[in-house]
């Protein structure tokens, strides 16, 4: 009696696991993807994509506060009739100050850029697979996981396997 499902799939020992990426806390093989304490079977991962994480909370708060203050100043000047008494230099200064939130966004993204995220579906649920601030490390992990998914897929599921593109049978 076979208990390892070898009739439908070769046992793990005979398939041969290949190490594709290994750094402290991150291991990618043809069978498993491990980040910290989270381990995913490569065969269970579907719909894998990359994204950027959220912006830094401090930068977002600074932008919101600045935009509210500038908007409040404009509304206050509008209600008091102060806009009619402003000089051309004051209008120019008000215009430059209104660009401050945009400059804060750019500075926040330069100072603390959003993290690179690798997301996918595992058993039907969307999960964050990996996140890193280092673009080079992220690229290496994403490429290793892509290669692991390609190597773990059986040949009969590859639509481009063989001598050409897949075509319906006539």
Protein backbone atom coordinates (compact mmCIF):
# COMPACT_ATOMS: atom_id res chain seq x y z
CA UNK A 1 0.00 0.00 0.00
CA UNK A 2 1.41 3.37 -1.02
CA UNK A 3 0.95 6.18 1.48
CA UNK A 4 2.95 8.89 -0.30
CA UNK A 5 0.64 9.26 -3.37
CA UNK A 6 3.46 8.04 -5.61
CA UNK A 7 0.95 6.61 -8.05
CA UNK A 8 -0.21 10.13 -8.94
CA UNK A 9 2.93 12.10 -8.19
CA UNK A 10 6.50 10.99 -7.63
CA UNK A 11 7.62 11.13 -4.01
CA UNK A 12 9.53 14.29 -3.03
CA UNK A 13 12.83 12.44 -2.79
CA UNK A 14 12.74 11.31 -6.43
CA UNK A 15 11.70 14.67 -7.89
CA UNK A 16 14.79 16.41 -6.64
CA UNK A 17 14.56 19.77 -4.96
CA UNK A 18 16.73 22.48 -6.44
CA UNK A 19 17.84 25.46 -4.37
CA UNK A 20 17.24 28.65 -6.37
CA UNK A 21 17.82 31.41 -3.78
CA UNK A 22 19.07 31.38 -0.21
CA UNK A 23 19.75 34.33 2.07
CA UNK A 24 19.15 34.68 5.80
CA UNK A 25 15.42 34.25 6.34
CA UNK A 26 14.60 33.66 2.65
CA UNK A 27 14.80 30.30 0.87
CA UNK A 28 13.38 29.50 -2.57
CA UNK A 29 13.48 25.94 -3.85
CA UNK A 30 11.54 24.20 -6.58
CA UNK A 31 9.20 22.83 -3.89
CA UNK A 32 8.94 25.53 -1.18
CA UNK A 33 9.10 29.29 -0.73
CA UNK A 34 10.09 30.27 2.80
CA UNK A 35 10.25 33.80 4.22
CA UNK A 36 10.85 34.01 7.95
CA UNK A 37 8.37 31.66 9.58
CA UNK A 38 6.02 31.54 6.59
CA UNK A 39 6.39 28.62 4.21
CA UNK A 40 4.41 28.14 1.01
CA UNK A 41 4.35 25.18 -1.32
CA UNK A 42 5.30 26.52 -4.75
CA UNK A 43 2.66 24.32 -6.41
CA UNK A 44 -0.05 26.03 -4.29
CA UNK A 45 0.88 29.57 -5.39
CA UNK A 46 -1.22 31.06 -8.19
CA UNK A 47 -1.71 34.55 -9.62
CA UNK A 48 1.63 35.91 -8.35
CA UNK A 49 2.23 39.62 -8.98
CA UNK A 50 4.38 42.48 -7.79
CA UNK A 51 3.21 45.76 -6.29
CA UNK A 52 4.42 48.69 -4.23
CA UNK A 53 3.44 48.98 -0.60
CA UNK A 54 1.74 51.92 1.08
CA UNK A 55 3.41 55.30 1.47
CA UNK A 56 5.09 56.20 4.74
CA UNK A 57 2.45 57.19 7.32
CA UNK A 58 4.38 60.22 8.54
CA UNK A 59 4.70 61.57 5.00
CA UNK A 60 0.99 61.03 4.33
CA UNK A 61 0.07 62.87 7.53
CA UNK A 62 2.39 65.76 6.66
CA UNK A 63 0.81 66.06 3.21
CA UNK A 64 -2.73 66.01 4.60
CA UNK A 65 -1.99 68.60 7.30
CA UNK A 66 -0.22 70.88 4.82
CA UNK A 67 -3.01 70.62 2.26
CA UNK A 68 -5.66 71.38 4.90
CA UNK A 69 -3.71 74.39 6.17
CA UNK A 70 -3.22 75.80 2.67
CA UNK A 71 -6.86 75.15 1.75
CA UNK A 72 -8.01 76.75 5.00
CA UNK A 73 -5.86 79.82 4.32
CA UNK A 74 -7.36 80.16 0.83
CA UNK A 75 -10.92 79.81 2.15
CA UNK A 76 -10.22 82.30 4.96
CA UNK A 77 -8.80 84.85 2.50
CA UNK A 78 -11.79 84.30 0.21
CA UNK A 79 -14.36 84.93 2.97
CA UNK A 80 -12.61 87.97 4.37
CA UNK A 81 -12.12 89.57 0.97
CA UNK A 82 -8.36 89.42 1.37
CA UNK A 83 -7.86 87.95 -2.12
CA UNK A 84 -8.83 91.28 -3.69
CA UNK A 85 -6.16 93.16 -1.74
CA UNK A 86 -3.24 90.81 -2.48
CA UNK A 87 -0.40 91.95 -4.69
CA UNK A 88 0.99 89.99 -7.61
CA UNK A 89 3.89 88.83 -5.43
CA UNK A 90 1.47 87.53 -2.80
CA UNK A 91 -0.45 85.58 -5.46
CA UNK A 92 2.83 84.12 -6.70
CA UNK A 93 3.81 83.15 -3.14
CA UNK A 94 0.38 81.57 -2.55
CA UNK A 95 0.78 79.56 -5.77
CA UNK A 96 4.23 78.32 -4.79
CA UNK A 97 3.03 77.43 -1.29
CA UNK A 98 0.15 75.43 -2.81
CA UNK A 99 2.79 73.18 -4.43
CA UNK A 100 4.15 72.28 -0.99
CA UNK A 101 2.04 69.07 -0.62
CA UNK A 102 3.39 67.78 -3.94
CA UNK A 103 6.94 68.49 -2.82
CA UNK A 104 6.25 66.71 0.48
CA UNK A 105 5.00 63.65 -1.41
CA UNK A 106 8.14 63.55 -3.53
CA UNK A 107 10.39 64.07 -0.51
CA UNK A 108 8.57 61.37 1.48
CA UNK A 109 8.92 58.85 -1.35
CA UNK A 110 12.60 59.71 -1.73
CA UNK A 111 13.28 59.60 2.00
CA UNK A 112 11.28 56.42 2.75
CA UNK A 113 10.12 54.81 -0.49
CA UNK A 114 7.23 52.33 -0.45
CA UNK A 115 8.33 48.72 -0.08
CA UNK A 116 8.34 46.30 -2.99
CA UNK A 117 5.73 43.57 -2.43
CA UNK A 118 5.30 40.13 -3.91
CA UNK A 119 1.69 39.00 -3.61
CA UNK A 120 -0.19 35.94 -4.74
CA UNK A 121 -3.00 33.53 -4.08
CA UNK A 122 -2.44 30.48 -1.90
CA UNK A 123 -5.37 28.07 -1.49
CA UNK A 124 -7.70 30.74 -2.89
CA UNK A 125 -6.72 33.51 -0.44
CA UNK A 126 -4.65 36.55 -1.35
CA UNK A 127 -1.46 36.67 0.71
CA UNK A 128 1.60 38.88 0.99
CA UNK A 129 4.41 36.51 0.08
CA UNK A 130 7.41 38.80 0.44
CA UNK A 131 8.20 42.46 1.06
CA UNK A 132 11.51 44.32 0.82
CA UNK A 133 12.90 47.84 0.64
CA UNK A 134 15.88 46.59 -1.38
CA UNK A 135 15.04 46.55 -5.10
CA UNK A 136 17.91 44.20 -6.00
CA UNK A 137 16.99 41.62 -3.38
CA UNK A 138 13.33 41.85 -4.35
CA UNK A 139 14.15 41.27 -8.03
CA UNK A 140 16.28 38.22 -7.20
CA UNK A 141 13.57 36.68 -5.00
CA UNK A 142 10.82 37.37 -7.55
CA UNK A 143 12.87 35.82 -10.37
CA UNK A 144 13.72 32.78 -8.22
CA UNK A 145 10.05 32.26 -7.36
CA UNK A 146 9.06 32.62 -11.02
CA UNK A 147 11.68 30.02 -11.97
CA UNK A 148 10.49 27.72 -9.16
CA UNK A 149 6.91 27.96 -10.42
CA UNK A 150 8.06 27.16 -13.96
CA UNK A 151 10.06 24.13 -12.78
CA UNK A 152 7.34 22.81 -10.47
CA UNK A 153 4.66 22.83 -13.17
CA UNK A 154 4.17 19.45 -14.85
CA UNK A 155 4.99 19.39 -18.57
CA UNK A 156 1.40 18.63 -19.55
CA UNK A 157 0.24 21.95 -18.02
CA UNK A 158 2.69 24.06 -20.00
CA UNK A 159 0.78 25.52 -22.97
CA UNK A 160 4.02 26.43 -24.77
CA UNK A 161 5.75 23.08 -24.31
CA UNK A 162 6.70 21.17 -27.40
CA UNK A 163 7.54 22.39 -30.84
CA UNK A 164 5.37 25.49 -30.96
CA UNK A 165 2.44 27.35 -29.54
CA UNK A 166 -0.57 25.52 -28.20
CA UNK A 167 -3.30 25.03 -30.76
CA UNK A 168 -6.66 23.32 -30.43
CA UNK A 169 -6.77 19.82 -31.77
CA UNK A 170 -8.75 19.47 -34.96
